[in-house]
Amino acid sequence: MTDEDDVIPEPPEGFVRSNGRGAFSTRNGPYFHRLGEGRSVEQAFFALPRHTNGIGIVHGGMLSAFADGLLAGAVGRGSGKIAVTIHLSLDYLHMARKGDWVIGEATMSRATRDVAFADGRLHVRGVDIVRCSGVFKLMDRST
């Protein structure tokens, strides 16, 4: 792989590059975000060759890791707490390919004192490729 393989075009309108996501996400990204209203979050990544599997589509593990961070981001925004994954559920509906902008949207649906729930979707060019949901342990930022 050459540096040319990592050329990323301008993100979709309103998206800006995300920072401070930790080593795993930094290595797998870069990720972008666009703040919405209320408890909803939108995130995106540009599918590079390193995100694809042996048949040239974005690897399911990449989509899973991205969806996990997306849902946790929605819970964090909705609760103001750190969200640690307890359960993650994904339905793969379609595929993404190298050169696609994968866009995710998620919302925290409800929260108790210790646990929160979120739902989301990933799409490419308006076609849903993943439906996802998760359950998250809520933790104070000081712990």
N, C-alpha and C. Protein backbone atom coordinates (compact mmCIF):
# COMPACT_ATOMS: atom_id res chain seq x y z
N MET A 1 0.83 -1.17 0.00
CA MET A 1 0.00 0.00 0.00
C MET A 1 0.88 1.24 0.00
N THR A 2 0.52 2.20 -0.81
CA THR A 2 1.27 3.44 -0.87
C THR A 2 0.49 4.55 -0.20
N ASP A 3 1.16 5.69 0.00
CA ASP A 3 0.46 6.83 0.57
C ASP A 3 -0.71 7.27 -0.30
N GLU A 4 -0.64 7.00 -1.61
CA GLU A 4 -1.73 7.37 -2.50
C GLU A 4 -3.02 6.66 -2.11
N ASP A 5 -2.90 5.47 -1.52
CA ASP A 5 -4.08 4.72 -1.11
C ASP A 5 -4.83 5.40 0.03
N ASP A 6 -4.17 6.30 0.75
CA ASP A 6 -4.79 6.97 1.89
C ASP A 6 -5.29 8.38 1.57
N VAL A 7 -5.41 8.72 0.30
CA VAL A 7 -5.93 10.04 -0.07
C VAL A 7 -7.42 10.07 0.22
N ILE A 8 -7.81 11.03 1.03
CA ILE A 8 -9.20 11.15 1.44
C ILE A 8 -9.76 12.46 0.88
N PRO A 9 -10.85 12.39 0.12
CA PRO A 9 -11.44 13.61 -0.42
C PRO A 9 -12.12 14.43 0.68
N GLU A 10 -12.58 15.59 0.33
CA GLU A 10 -13.32 16.41 1.28
C GLU A 10 -14.50 15.61 1.81
N PRO A 11 -14.76 15.70 3.12
CA PRO A 11 -15.89 14.94 3.68
C PRO A 11 -17.23 15.51 3.23
N PRO A 12 -18.29 14.75 3.42
CA PRO A 12 -19.62 15.26 3.10
C PRO A 12 -19.89 16.58 3.84
N GLU A 13 -20.77 17.36 3.31
CA GLU A 13 -21.06 18.70 3.86
C GLU A 13 -21.37 18.66 5.35
N GLY A 14 -20.70 19.53 6.09
CA GLY A 14 -20.93 19.66 7.53
C GLY A 14 -20.08 18.75 8.40
N PHE A 15 -19.38 17.79 7.81
CA PHE A 15 -18.55 16.87 8.59
C PHE A 15 -17.16 17.45 8.78
N VAL A 16 -16.61 17.27 9.98
CA VAL A 16 -15.25 17.69 10.30
C VAL A 16 -14.50 16.50 10.89
N ARG A 17 -13.19 16.53 10.77
CA ARG A 17 -12.36 15.42 11.26
C ARG A 17 -12.45 15.33 12.79
N SER A 18 -12.61 14.11 13.29
CA SER A 18 -12.68 13.87 14.73
C SER A 18 -11.28 13.65 15.28
N ASN A 19 -11.05 14.11 16.49
CA ASN A 19 -9.78 13.94 17.17
C ASN A 19 -10.02 13.33 18.55
N GLY A 20 -8.97 12.77 19.14
CA GLY A 20 -9.04 12.29 20.52
C GLY A 20 -9.88 11.06 20.73
N ARG A 21 -9.89 10.16 19.77
CA ARG A 21 -10.74 8.97 19.88
C ARG A 21 -10.02 7.76 20.42
N GLY A 22 -8.75 7.85 20.72
CA GLY A 22 -8.01 6.70 21.21
C GLY A 22 -7.24 6.02 20.10
N ALA A 23 -6.26 5.21 20.48
CA ALA A 23 -5.33 4.61 19.53
C ALA A 23 -6.02 3.68 18.52
N PHE A 24 -6.95 2.86 18.97
CA PHE A 24 -7.62 1.91 18.07
C PHE A 24 -8.37 2.65 16.97
N SER A 25 -9.19 3.61 17.35
CA SER A 25 -9.97 4.36 16.37
C SER A 25 -9.09 5.24 15.50
N THR A 26 -8.04 5.81 16.08
CA THR A 26 -7.13 6.63 15.29
C THR A 26 -6.47 5.79 14.21
N ARG A 27 -6.06 4.59 14.55
CA ARG A 27 -5.44 3.69 13.57
C ARG A 27 -6.41 3.25 12.48
N ASN A 28 -7.67 3.01 12.85
CA ASN A 28 -8.66 2.52 11.90
C ASN A 28 -9.33 3.64 11.11
N GLY A 29 -9.24 4.87 11.57
CA GLY A 29 -9.88 6.01 10.91
C GLY A 29 -9.14 6.44 9.69
N PRO A 30 -9.18 7.72 9.41
CA PRO A 30 -9.75 8.76 10.26
C PRO A 30 -11.27 8.78 10.20
N TYR A 31 -11.85 9.27 11.30
CA TYR A 31 -13.30 9.42 11.39
C TYR A 31 -13.65 10.90 11.35
N PHE A 32 -14.87 11.16 10.95
CA PHE A 32 -15.40 12.52 10.84
C PHE A 32 -16.72 12.56 11.58
N HIS A 33 -17.15 13.74 12.00
CA HIS A 33 -18.44 13.85 12.69
C HIS A 33 -19.14 15.14 12.28
N ARG A 34 -20.45 15.12 12.48
CA ARG A 34 -21.30 16.30 12.27
C ARG A 34 -22.28 16.30 13.43
N LEU A 35 -22.29 17.38 14.19
CA LEU A 35 -23.19 17.44 15.34
C LEU A 35 -24.61 17.73 14.89
N GLY A 36 -25.53 16.97 15.45
CA GLY A 36 -26.94 17.18 15.18
C GLY A 36 -27.62 17.76 16.40
N GLU A 37 -28.90 17.80 16.34
CA GLU A 37 -29.70 18.30 17.45
C GLU A 37 -30.00 17.16 18.43
N GLY A 38 -30.21 17.52 19.68
CA GLY A 38 -30.63 16.55 20.69
C GLY A 38 -29.60 15.48 20.96
N ARG A 39 -30.08 14.23 21.04
CA ARG A 39 -29.21 13.11 21.39
C ARG A 39 -28.62 12.39 20.18
N SER A 40 -28.89 12.87 18.98
CA SER A 40 -28.40 12.20 17.78
C SER A 40 -26.96 12.59 17.45
N VAL A 41 -26.23 11.64 16.88
CA VAL A 41 -24.88 11.91 16.38
C VAL A 41 -24.77 11.36 14.96
N GLU A 42 -23.89 11.99 14.20
CA GLU A 42 -23.56 11.51 12.86
C GLU A 42 -22.05 11.42 12.75
N GLN A 43 -21.58 10.29 12.24
CA GLN A 43 -20.15 10.09 12.03
C GLN A 43 -19.96 9.48 10.65
N ALA A 44 -18.73 9.61 10.13
CA ALA A 44 -18.45 9.07 8.80
C ALA A 44 -16.99 8.65 8.69
N PHE A 45 -16.71 7.77 7.74
CA PHE A 45 -15.35 7.48 7.34
C PHE A 45 -15.33 7.20 5.85
N PHE A 46 -14.19 7.47 5.24
CA PHE A 46 -13.98 7.21 3.82
C PHE A 46 -13.32 5.86 3.69
N ALA A 47 -13.94 4.95 2.95
CA ALA A 47 -13.44 3.58 2.83
C ALA A 47 -12.16 3.53 1.99
N LEU A 48 -11.07 3.22 2.67
CA LEU A 48 -9.75 3.10 2.05
C LEU A 48 -9.47 1.63 1.75
N PRO A 49 -8.46 1.34 0.94
CA PRO A 49 -8.12 -0.06 0.66
C PRO A 49 -7.89 -0.89 1.93
N ARG A 50 -7.31 -0.28 2.96
CA ARG A 50 -7.03 -1.03 4.19
C ARG A 50 -8.30 -1.40 4.97
N HIS A 51 -9.44 -0.82 4.61
CA HIS A 51 -10.71 -1.14 5.26
C HIS A 51 -11.43 -2.30 4.58
N THR A 52 -10.91 -2.78 3.45
CA THR A 52 -11.62 -3.80 2.68
C THR A 52 -11.10 -5.20 2.96
N ASN A 53 -11.92 -6.17 2.60
CA ASN A 53 -11.54 -7.58 2.76
C ASN A 53 -11.00 -8.12 1.43
N GLY A 54 -10.82 -9.42 1.35
CA GLY A 54 -10.24 -10.04 0.17
C GLY A 54 -11.08 -9.96 -1.09
N ILE A 55 -12.35 -9.64 -0.97
CA ILE A 55 -13.20 -9.52 -2.16
C ILE A 55 -13.54 -8.06 -2.48
N GLY A 56 -12.85 -7.14 -1.79
CA GLY A 56 -12.95 -5.74 -2.16
C GLY A 56 -14.09 -4.95 -1.56
N ILE A 57 -14.77 -5.52 -0.56
CA ILE A 57 -15.82 -4.74 0.11
C ILE A 57 -15.34 -4.40 1.53
N VAL A 58 -15.93 -3.36 2.11
CA VAL A 58 -15.52 -2.96 3.45
C VAL A 58 -15.77 -4.12 4.42
N HIS A 59 -14.74 -4.46 5.17
CA HIS A 59 -14.77 -5.60 6.08
C HIS A 59 -15.86 -5.41 7.14
N GLY A 60 -16.56 -6.49 7.45
CA GLY A 60 -17.60 -6.44 8.48
C GLY A 60 -17.07 -6.02 9.82
N GLY A 61 -15.82 -6.38 10.13
CA GLY A 61 -15.22 -5.97 11.40
C GLY A 61 -15.01 -4.46 11.46
N MET A 62 -14.67 -3.85 10.33
CA MET A 62 -14.54 -2.39 10.28
C MET A 62 -15.88 -1.73 10.51
N LEU A 63 -16.91 -2.25 9.87
CA LEU A 63 -18.25 -1.69 10.05
C LEU A 63 -18.73 -1.87 11.49
N SER A 64 -18.40 -3.02 12.09
CA SER A 64 -18.78 -3.29 13.47
C SER A 64 -18.08 -2.33 14.43
N ALA A 65 -16.78 -2.15 14.27
CA ALA A 65 -16.04 -1.22 15.14
C ALA A 65 -16.55 0.20 14.98
N PHE A 66 -16.83 0.60 13.75
CA PHE A 66 -17.37 1.94 13.50
C PHE A 66 -18.74 2.11 14.15
N ALA A 67 -19.62 1.11 13.99
CA ALA A 67 -20.96 1.18 14.58
C ALA A 67 -20.89 1.23 16.10
N ASP A 68 -19.98 0.47 16.70
CA ASP A 68 -19.81 0.47 18.15
C ASP A 68 -19.46 1.87 18.65
N GLY A 69 -18.50 2.51 18.00
CA GLY A 69 -18.12 3.87 18.38
C GLY A 69 -19.22 4.88 18.14
N LEU A 70 -19.97 4.69 17.06
CA LEU A 70 -21.09 5.57 16.75
C LEU A 70 -22.16 5.52 17.84
N LEU A 71 -22.55 4.30 18.20
CA LEU A 71 -23.58 4.13 19.24
C LEU A 71 -23.09 4.65 20.60
N ALA A 72 -21.84 4.35 20.94
CA ALA A 72 -21.29 4.85 22.20
C ALA A 72 -21.25 6.37 22.20
N GLY A 73 -20.97 6.97 21.05
CA GLY A 73 -20.98 8.42 20.94
C GLY A 73 -22.36 9.00 21.18
N ALA A 74 -23.39 8.32 20.68
CA ALA A 74 -24.76 8.78 20.91
C ALA A 74 -25.12 8.70 22.39
N VAL A 75 -24.71 7.61 23.04
CA VAL A 75 -24.98 7.46 24.47
C VAL A 75 -24.20 8.50 25.26
N GLY A 76 -22.95 8.71 24.91
CA GLY A 76 -22.16 9.74 25.59
C GLY A 76 -22.78 11.11 25.47
N ARG A 77 -23.24 11.42 24.29
CA ARG A 77 -23.87 12.73 24.08
C ARG A 77 -25.19 12.84 24.84
N GLY A 78 -25.97 11.77 24.82
CA GLY A 78 -27.27 11.80 25.47
C GLY A 78 -27.22 11.75 26.98
N SER A 79 -26.19 11.11 27.53
CA SER A 79 -26.12 10.92 28.97
C SER A 79 -25.07 11.80 29.65
N GLY A 80 -24.10 12.27 28.88
CA GLY A 80 -22.98 13.02 29.47
C GLY A 80 -22.00 12.13 30.21
N LYS A 81 -22.10 10.82 29.99
CA LYS A 81 -21.22 9.87 30.67
C LYS A 81 -20.44 9.05 29.65
N ILE A 82 -19.43 8.33 30.13
CA ILE A 82 -18.68 7.41 29.29
C ILE A 82 -19.55 6.17 29.08
N ALA A 83 -19.59 5.69 27.85
CA ALA A 83 -20.39 4.52 27.51
C ALA A 83 -19.48 3.36 27.15
N VAL A 84 -19.60 2.26 27.91
CA VAL A 84 -18.80 1.06 27.67
C VAL A 84 -19.75 -0.04 27.18
N THR A 85 -19.42 -0.65 26.08
CA THR A 85 -20.32 -1.61 25.43
C THR A 85 -20.56 -2.85 26.30
N ILE A 86 -21.83 -3.17 26.49
CA ILE A 86 -22.26 -4.41 27.13
C ILE A 86 -22.72 -5.39 26.06
N HIS A 87 -23.48 -4.87 25.09
CA HIS A 87 -24.03 -5.71 24.02
C HIS A 87 -24.09 -4.89 22.74
N LEU A 88 -23.71 -5.51 21.63
CA LEU A 88 -23.76 -4.87 20.33
C LEU A 88 -24.44 -5.82 19.36
N SER A 89 -25.42 -5.30 18.62
CA SER A 89 -26.13 -6.11 17.63
C SER A 89 -26.09 -5.41 16.29
N LEU A 90 -25.73 -6.16 15.25
CA LEU A 90 -25.67 -5.60 13.89
C LEU A 90 -26.38 -6.52 12.91
N ASP A 91 -27.06 -5.89 11.97
CA ASP A 91 -27.61 -6.60 10.82
C ASP A 91 -26.94 -6.00 9.60
N TYR A 92 -26.23 -6.83 8.84
CA TYR A 92 -25.60 -6.37 7.61
C TYR A 92 -26.63 -6.46 6.49
N LEU A 93 -26.95 -5.33 5.89
CA LEU A 93 -28.02 -5.25 4.91
C LEU A 93 -27.51 -5.12 3.48
N HIS A 94 -26.39 -4.48 3.32
CA HIS A 94 -25.82 -4.25 1.99
C HIS A 94 -24.31 -4.07 2.18
N MET A 95 -23.62 -3.65 1.16
CA MET A 95 -22.17 -3.54 1.26
C MET A 95 -21.68 -2.13 0.93
N ALA A 96 -20.48 -1.85 1.40
CA ALA A 96 -19.76 -0.62 1.04
C ALA A 96 -18.48 -1.06 0.35
N ARG A 97 -17.97 -0.20 -0.52
CA ARG A 97 -16.75 -0.50 -1.27
C ARG A 97 -15.72 0.59 -1.07
N LYS A 98 -14.48 0.28 -1.42
CA LYS A 98 -13.41 1.27 -1.41
C LYS A 98 -13.89 2.51 -2.18
N GLY A 99 -13.64 3.69 -1.58
CA GLY A 99 -14.05 4.94 -2.22
C GLY A 99 -15.41 5.44 -1.80
N ASP A 100 -16.11 4.68 -0.97
CA ASP A 100 -17.42 5.13 -0.46
C ASP A 100 -17.25 5.91 0.83
N TRP A 101 -18.08 6.92 1.02
CA TRP A 101 -18.23 7.55 2.33
C TRP A 101 -19.27 6.75 3.08
N VAL A 102 -18.90 6.13 4.18
CA VAL A 102 -19.82 5.40 5.05
C VAL A 102 -20.27 6.38 6.12
N ILE A 103 -21.57 6.62 6.19
CA ILE A 103 -22.12 7.59 7.13
C ILE A 103 -23.00 6.85 8.14
N GLY A 104 -22.80 7.16 9.41
CA GLY A 104 -23.59 6.56 10.48
C GLY A 104 -24.39 7.60 11.23
N GLU A 105 -25.59 7.21 11.62
CA GLU A 105 -26.46 8.06 12.43
C GLU A 105 -26.95 7.23 13.60
N ALA A 106 -26.91 7.79 14.80
CA ALA A 106 -27.36 7.04 15.98
C ALA A 106 -27.99 7.98 17.00
N THR A 107 -28.87 7.39 17.80
CA THR A 107 -29.57 8.13 18.86
C THR A 107 -29.67 7.26 20.10
N MET A 108 -29.45 7.86 21.25
CA MET A 108 -29.71 7.16 22.50
C MET A 108 -31.22 7.09 22.67
N SER A 109 -31.77 5.90 22.85
CA SER A 109 -33.22 5.75 22.97
C SER A 109 -33.71 5.89 24.40
N ARG A 110 -32.92 5.41 25.37
CA ARG A 110 -33.29 5.57 26.78
C ARG A 110 -32.11 5.25 27.66
N ALA A 111 -32.21 5.69 28.91
CA ALA A 111 -31.13 5.43 29.86
C ALA A 111 -31.70 5.29 31.26
N THR A 112 -31.08 4.41 32.03
CA THR A 112 -31.34 4.31 33.46
C THR A 112 -30.15 4.96 34.15
N ARG A 113 -30.02 4.76 35.44
CA ARG A 113 -28.88 5.32 36.16
C ARG A 113 -27.56 4.69 35.72
N ASP A 114 -27.59 3.40 35.35
CA ASP A 114 -26.36 2.66 35.06
C ASP A 114 -26.21 2.16 33.62
N VAL A 115 -27.31 2.13 32.87
CA VAL A 115 -27.30 1.50 31.55
C VAL A 115 -28.06 2.38 30.56
N ALA A 116 -27.57 2.39 29.31
CA ALA A 116 -28.26 3.14 28.26
C ALA A 116 -28.37 2.29 27.00
N PHE A 117 -29.30 2.66 26.14
CA PHE A 117 -29.61 1.93 24.92
C PHE A 117 -29.54 2.90 23.74
N ALA A 118 -29.02 2.41 22.62
CA ALA A 118 -28.92 3.26 21.43
C ALA A 118 -29.22 2.43 20.18
N ASP A 119 -29.71 3.13 19.17
CA ASP A 119 -30.03 2.53 17.88
C ASP A 119 -29.41 3.38 16.78
N GLY A 120 -29.03 2.73 15.69
CA GLY A 120 -28.45 3.49 14.60
C GLY A 120 -28.47 2.76 13.29
N ARG A 121 -27.89 3.43 12.30
CA ARG A 121 -27.78 2.84 10.97
C ARG A 121 -26.55 3.39 10.29
N LEU A 122 -25.97 2.61 9.40
CA LEU A 122 -24.89 3.05 8.53
C LEU A 122 -25.44 3.02 7.12
N HIS A 123 -25.07 4.02 6.33
CA HIS A 123 -25.54 4.04 4.95
C HIS A 123 -24.46 4.58 4.02
N VAL A 124 -24.61 4.21 2.77
CA VAL A 124 -23.74 4.65 1.69
C VAL A 124 -24.63 5.14 0.56
N ARG A 125 -24.44 6.38 0.14
CA ARG A 125 -25.25 6.98 -0.93
C ARG A 125 -26.73 6.80 -0.67
N GLY A 126 -27.14 6.91 0.60
CA GLY A 126 -28.55 6.81 0.97
C GLY A 126 -29.09 5.41 1.12
N VAL A 127 -28.28 4.37 0.86
CA VAL A 127 -28.72 2.98 0.99
C VAL A 127 -28.21 2.44 2.32
N ASP A 128 -29.13 1.95 3.16
CA ASP A 128 -28.72 1.38 4.44
C ASP A 128 -27.86 0.14 4.21
N ILE A 129 -26.72 0.09 4.92
CA ILE A 129 -25.85 -1.08 4.81
C ILE A 129 -25.77 -1.85 6.13
N VAL A 130 -26.01 -1.17 7.25
CA VAL A 130 -26.00 -1.82 8.57
C VAL A 130 -27.08 -1.18 9.43
N ARG A 131 -27.80 -2.03 10.14
CA ARG A 131 -28.71 -1.58 11.20
C ARG A 131 -28.07 -2.06 12.50
N CYS A 132 -28.00 -1.18 13.51
CA CYS A 132 -27.28 -1.56 14.72
C CYS A 132 -27.99 -1.06 15.98
N SER A 133 -27.72 -1.75 17.07
CA SER A 133 -28.23 -1.32 18.37
C SER A 133 -27.24 -1.80 19.43
N GLY A 134 -27.28 -1.15 20.57
CA GLY A 134 -26.36 -1.54 21.63
C GLY A 134 -26.87 -1.18 23.00
N VAL A 135 -26.30 -1.85 23.97
CA VAL A 135 -26.55 -1.59 25.39
C VAL A 135 -25.21 -1.20 25.98
N PHE A 136 -25.19 -0.15 26.78
CA PHE A 136 -23.94 0.41 27.28
C PHE A 136 -24.00 0.65 28.79
N LYS A 137 -22.91 0.30 29.48
CA LYS A 137 -22.73 0.62 30.88
C LYS A 137 -22.34 2.08 30.95
N LEU A 138 -23.00 2.83 31.80
CA LEU A 138 -22.68 4.25 31.99
C LEU A 138 -21.68 4.41 33.12
N MET A 139 -20.63 5.18 32.84
CA MET A 139 -19.59 5.40 33.83
C MET A 139 -19.31 6.89 33.93
N ASP A 140 -19.05 7.35 35.14
CA ASP A 140 -18.66 8.74 35.33
C ASP A 140 -17.30 8.98 34.70
N ARG A 141 -17.07 10.16 34.21
CA ARG A 141 -15.80 10.50 33.57
C ARG A 141 -14.63 10.44 34.55
N SER A 142 -14.89 10.54 35.85
CA SER A 142 -13.82 10.53 36.86
C SER A 142 -13.32 9.13 37.16
N THR A 143 -14.05 8.07 36.74
CA THR A 143 -13.63 6.70 37.03
C THR A 143 -12.89 6.07 35.88
